[in-house]
Amino acid sequence: MKKMFRILLFLLISANVLCQEKDFDKTSNNLTLDGNVEFINKNLIEAEVFYREAISKDSLNNIASYNMANSFYKSGLNMEAVNEYKSSILKAKNKEDLHKSYHNLGDVYMQNKDYQNAVTSFKKALFNNPIFKTLRYFRIFKPFTIN
């Protein structure tokens, strides 16, 4: 009977912890959605605040990190955008996320006239999604790029 009680107590505590983790994740996702609304309404500073809060609640929230980088890029804060795109690359969960982050990182490098890093980023984006049509020109211009 005591053994059964201990098992039941353990299961209840485990279930409680799991429920808290899901609430934790939902809060981060809700903050990300709030940031997206502000981004769409062109309130980039407010969007950044929501994204930062979402990342503070869940440091592995790749979507908030990627969207915050987009917000920085749109605000003209290119160095912050570079750092945040690199962060989203480290947090990426699949090739599509890697592709988007590397592609946008390449765009920032192009805007900064850092062509070597731009080429490297675009190549990595292409590697993670070879079907993407706007990067196919790389196969044509590859002989002209700097090693």
C-alpha atoms as a PDB file:
ATOM      1  CA  MET A   1       0.000   0.000   0.000  1.00  0.00           C
ATOM      2  CA  LYS A   2       2.826   2.409   0.872  1.00  0.00           C
ATOM      3  CA  LYS A   3       4.599   1.516  -2.354  1.00  0.00           C
ATOM      4  CA  MET A   4       1.442   2.239  -4.340  1.00  0.00           C
ATOM      5  CA  PHE A   5       1.043   5.561  -2.529  1.00  0.00           C
ATOM      6  CA  ARG A   6       4.653   6.542  -3.346  1.00  0.00           C
ATOM      7  CA  ILE A   7       4.201   5.680  -7.005  1.00  0.00           C
ATOM      8  CA  LEU A   8       0.989   7.692  -7.168  1.00  0.00           C
ATOM      9  CA  LEU A   9       2.655  10.641  -5.432  1.00  0.00           C
ATOM     10  CA  PHE A  10       5.600  10.466  -7.847  1.00  0.00           C
ATOM     11  CA  LEU A  11       3.260  10.435 -10.857  1.00  0.00           C
ATOM     12  CA  LEU A  12       1.295  13.423  -9.579  1.00  0.00           C
ATOM     13  CA  ILE A  13       4.453  15.443  -8.989  1.00  0.00           C
ATOM     14  CA  SER A  14       5.802  14.504 -12.430  1.00  0.00           C
ATOM     15  CA  ALA A  15       2.536  15.491 -14.097  1.00  0.00           C
ATOM     16  CA  ASN A  16       2.590  18.821 -12.288  1.00  0.00           C
ATOM     17  CA  VAL A  17       6.137  19.553 -13.493  1.00  0.00           C
ATOM     18  CA  LEU A  18       5.246  18.636 -17.081  1.00  0.00           C
ATOM     19  CA  CYS A  19       2.201  20.907 -17.010  1.00  0.00           C
ATOM     20  CA  GLN A  20       4.336  23.786 -15.776  1.00  0.00           C
ATOM     21  CA  GLU A  21       6.807  23.291 -18.632  1.00  0.00           C
ATOM     22  CA  LYS A  22       3.986  23.470 -21.176  1.00  0.00           C
ATOM     23  CA  ASP A  23       2.657  26.668 -19.576  1.00  0.00           C
ATOM     24  CA  PHE A  24       6.193  28.037 -19.691  1.00  0.00           C
ATOM     25  CA  ASP A  25       6.416  27.310 -23.417  1.00  0.00           C
ATOM     26  CA  LYS A  26       2.946  28.711 -24.132  1.00  0.00           C
ATOM     27  CA  THR A  27       3.873  31.949 -22.409  1.00  0.00           C
ATOM     28  CA  SER A  28       6.953  32.291 -24.594  1.00  0.00           C
ATOM     29  CA  ASN A  29       4.927  31.495 -27.704  1.00  0.00           C
ATOM     30  CA  ASN A  30       2.235  34.009 -26.718  1.00  0.00           C
ATOM     31  CA  LEU A  31       4.873  36.704 -26.265  1.00  0.00           C
ATOM     32  CA  THR A  32       6.272  35.820 -29.682  1.00  0.00           C
ATOM     33  CA  LEU A  33       2.808  36.210 -31.201  1.00  0.00           C
ATOM     34  CA  ASP A  34       2.400  39.582 -29.475  1.00  0.00           C
ATOM     35  CA  GLY A  35       5.745  40.605 -30.954  1.00  0.00           C
ATOM     36  CA  ASN A  36       4.562  39.512 -34.391  1.00  0.00           C
ATOM     37  CA  VAL A  37       1.461  41.709 -34.070  1.00  0.00           C
ATOM     38  CA  GLU A  38       3.630  44.698 -33.158  1.00  0.00           C
ATOM     39  CA  PHE A  39       6.016  43.904 -36.025  1.00  0.00           C
ATOM     40  CA  ILE A  40       3.119  43.826 -38.506  1.00  0.00           C
ATOM     41  CA  ASN A  41       1.888  47.159 -37.109  1.00  0.00           C
ATOM     42  CA  LYS A  42       5.439  48.534 -37.627  1.00  0.00           C
ATOM     43  CA  ASN A  43       5.996  49.083 -33.899  1.00  0.00           C
ATOM     44  CA  LEU A  44       9.476  47.610 -34.126  1.00  0.00           C
ATOM     45  CA  ILE A  45      10.639  48.686 -30.672  1.00  0.00           C
ATOM     46  CA  GLU A  46       7.569  47.144 -29.034  1.00  0.00           C
ATOM     47  CA  ALA A  47       8.070  43.999 -31.110  1.00  0.00           C
ATOM     48  CA  GLU A  48      11.669  43.768 -29.913  1.00  0.00           C
ATOM     49  CA  VAL A  49      10.508  44.049 -26.287  1.00  0.00           C
ATOM     50  CA  PHE A  50       8.086  41.140 -26.736  1.00  0.00           C
ATOM     51  CA  TYR A  51      10.697  39.033 -28.540  1.00  0.00           C
ATOM     52  CA  ARG A  52      13.295  39.669 -25.821  1.00  0.00           C
ATOM     53  CA  GLU A  53      10.787  38.701 -23.147  1.00  0.00           C
ATOM     54  CA  ALA A  54       9.863  35.532 -25.073  1.00  0.00           C
ATOM     55  CA  ILE A  55      13.542  34.585 -25.342  1.00  0.00           C
ATOM     56  CA  SER A  56      14.064  35.256 -21.634  1.00  0.00           C
ATOM     57  CA  LYS A  57      11.215  32.836 -20.850  1.00  0.00           C
ATOM     58  CA  ASP A  58      12.470  30.191 -23.304  1.00  0.00           C
ATOM     59  CA  SER A  59      16.065  30.621 -24.453  1.00  0.00           C
ATOM     60  CA  LEU A  60      15.565  28.024 -27.213  1.00  0.00           C
ATOM     61  CA  ASN A  61      12.694  29.930 -28.856  1.00  0.00           C
ATOM     62  CA  ASN A  62      14.073  30.064 -32.389  1.00  0.00           C
ATOM     63  CA  ILE A  63      11.049  31.879 -33.804  1.00  0.00           C
ATOM     64  CA  ALA A  64      11.392  34.810 -31.398  1.00  0.00           C
ATOM     65  CA  SER A  65      15.120  35.008 -32.086  1.00  0.00           C
ATOM     66  CA  TYR A  66      14.636  34.969 -35.868  1.00  0.00           C
ATOM     67  CA  ASN A  67      11.818  37.514 -35.726  1.00  0.00           C
ATOM     68  CA  MET A  68      13.836  39.809 -33.463  1.00  0.00           C
ATOM     69  CA  ALA A  69      16.658  39.677 -36.013  1.00  0.00           C
ATOM     70  CA  ASN A  70      14.149  40.666 -38.707  1.00  0.00           C
ATOM     71  CA  SER A  71      13.011  43.547 -36.504  1.00  0.00           C
ATOM     72  CA  PHE A  72      16.616  44.722 -36.073  1.00  0.00           C
ATOM     73  CA  TYR A  73      17.211  44.455 -39.818  1.00  0.00           C
ATOM     74  CA  LYS A  74      14.096  46.466 -40.596  1.00  0.00           C
ATOM     75  CA  SER A  75      15.167  49.097 -38.025  1.00  0.00           C
ATOM     76  CA  GLY A  76      18.585  49.429 -39.663  1.00  0.00           C
ATOM     77  CA  LEU A  77      20.426  47.871 -36.705  1.00  0.00           C
ATOM     78  CA  ASN A  78      22.503  45.577 -38.881  1.00  0.00           C
ATOM     79  CA  MET A  79      25.111  44.449 -36.354  1.00  0.00           C
ATOM     80  CA  GLU A  80      22.395  43.470 -33.881  1.00  0.00           C
ATOM     81  CA  ALA A  81      20.605  41.668 -36.715  1.00  0.00           C
ATOM     82  CA  VAL A  82      23.787  39.736 -37.564  1.00  0.00           C
ATOM     83  CA  ASN A  83      24.198  38.626 -33.950  1.00  0.00           C
ATOM     84  CA  GLU A  84      20.567  37.593 -33.625  1.00  0.00           C
ATOM     85  CA  TYR A  85      20.554  35.705 -36.958  1.00  0.00           C
ATOM     86  CA  LYS A  86      23.635  33.816 -35.748  1.00  0.00           C
ATOM     87  CA  SER A  87      21.787  33.026 -32.539  1.00  0.00           C
ATOM     88  CA  SER A  88      18.763  31.751 -34.470  1.00  0.00           C
ATOM     89  CA  ILE A  89      21.073  29.560 -36.569  1.00  0.00           C
ATOM     90  CA  LEU A  90      22.354  27.907 -33.399  1.00  0.00           C
ATOM     91  CA  LYS A  91      18.772  27.341 -32.200  1.00  0.00           C
ATOM     92  CA  ALA A  92      17.409  26.126 -35.549  1.00  0.00           C
ATOM     93  CA  LYS A  93      15.458  22.894 -35.364  1.00  0.00           C
ATOM     94  CA  ASN A  94      15.307  22.026 -39.055  1.00  0.00           C
ATOM     95  CA  LYS A  95      16.848  22.830 -42.435  1.00  0.00           C
ATOM     96  CA  GLU A  96      14.102  25.289 -43.340  1.00  0.00           C
ATOM     97  CA  ASP A  97      14.897  27.416 -40.273  1.00  0.00           C
ATOM     98  CA  LEU A  98      18.607  27.232 -41.106  1.00  0.00           C
ATOM     99  CA  HIS A  99      17.899  28.235 -44.689  1.00  0.00           C
ATOM    100  CA  LYS A 100      15.870  31.308 -43.709  1.00  0.00           C
ATOM    101  CA  SER A 101      18.390  32.471 -41.121  1.00  0.00           C
ATOM    102  CA  TYR A 102      21.418  32.025 -43.389  1.00  0.00           C
ATOM    103  CA  HIS A 103      19.633  33.727 -46.285  1.00  0.00           C
ATOM    104  CA  ASN A 104      18.687  36.772 -44.214  1.00  0.00           C
ATOM    105  CA  LEU A 105      22.169  36.858 -42.682  1.00  0.00           C
ATOM    106  CA  GLY A 106      23.525  37.006 -46.232  1.00  0.00           C
ATOM    107  CA  ASP A 107      21.181  39.915 -46.985  1.00  0.00           C
ATOM    108  CA  VAL A 108      22.526  41.841 -43.990  1.00  0.00           C
ATOM    109  CA  TYR A 109      26.116  41.175 -45.044  1.00  0.00           C
ATOM    110  CA  MET A 110      25.294  42.354 -48.577  1.00  0.00           C
ATOM    111  CA  GLN A 111      23.813  45.568 -47.214  1.00  0.00           C
ATOM    112  CA  ASN A 112      26.994  46.072 -45.149  1.00  0.00           C
ATOM    113  CA  LYS A 113      29.083  45.421 -48.286  1.00  0.00           C
ATOM    114  CA  ASP A 114      30.714  42.425 -46.588  1.00  0.00           C
ATOM    115  CA  TYR A 115      30.574  40.336 -49.747  1.00  0.00           C
ATOM    116  CA  GLN A 116      32.770  37.457 -48.584  1.00  0.00           C
ATOM    117  CA  ASN A 117      30.530  36.698 -45.608  1.00  0.00           C
ATOM    118  CA  ALA A 118      27.444  37.269 -47.765  1.00  0.00           C
ATOM    119  CA  VAL A 119      28.613  34.661 -50.273  1.00  0.00           C
ATOM    120  CA  THR A 120      29.370  32.215 -47.461  1.00  0.00           C
ATOM    121  CA  SER A 121      25.941  32.753 -45.889  1.00  0.00           C
ATOM    122  CA  PHE A 122      24.124  32.363 -49.203  1.00  0.00           C
ATOM    123  CA  LYS A 123      26.044  29.152 -49.905  1.00  0.00           C
ATOM    124  CA  LYS A 124      25.024  27.768 -46.526  1.00  0.00           C
ATOM    125  CA  ALA A 125      21.426  28.797 -47.197  1.00  0.00           C
ATOM    126  CA  LEU A 126      21.544  27.037 -50.553  1.00  0.00           C
ATOM    127  CA  PHE A 127      23.019  23.932 -48.934  1.00  0.00           C
ATOM    128  CA  ASN A 128      20.076  23.814 -46.524  1.00  0.00           C
ATOM    129  CA  ASN A 129      17.477  24.246 -49.273  1.00  0.00           C
ATOM    130  CA  PRO A 130      18.844  23.588 -52.790  1.00  0.00           C
ATOM    131  CA  ILE A 131      15.408  24.002 -54.385  1.00  0.00           C
ATOM    132  CA  PHE A 132      15.088  27.669 -53.367  1.00  0.00           C
ATOM    133  CA  LYS A 133      14.857  29.511 -56.685  1.00  0.00           C
ATOM    134  CA  THR A 134      16.356  32.914 -55.837  1.00  0.00           C
ATOM    135  CA  LEU A 135      19.645  31.283 -54.849  1.00  0.00           C
ATOM    136  CA  ARG A 136      20.040  29.153 -57.961  1.00  0.00           C
ATOM    137  CA  TYR A 137      22.074  31.931 -59.573  1.00  0.00           C
ATOM    138  CA  PHE A 138      24.879  30.849 -57.256  1.00  0.00           C
ATOM    139  CA  ARG A 139      25.452  27.779 -59.376  1.00  0.00           C
ATOM    140  CA  ILE A 140      25.836  30.030 -62.418  1.00  0.00           C
ATOM    141  CA  PHE A 141      28.086  32.637 -60.772  1.00  0.00           C
ATOM    142  CA  LYS A 142      30.139  30.238 -58.656  1.00  0.00           C
ATOM    143  CA  PRO A 143      33.246  30.520 -60.897  1.00  0.00           C
ATOM    144  CA  PHE A 144      33.248  34.298 -60.367  1.00  0.00           C
ATOM    145  CA  THR A 145      33.076  34.260 -56.558  1.00  0.00           C
ATOM    146  CA  ILE A 146      36.001  34.845 -54.243  1.00  0.00           C
ATOM    147  CA  ASN A 147      37.346  31.698 -52.601  1.00  0.00           C
END
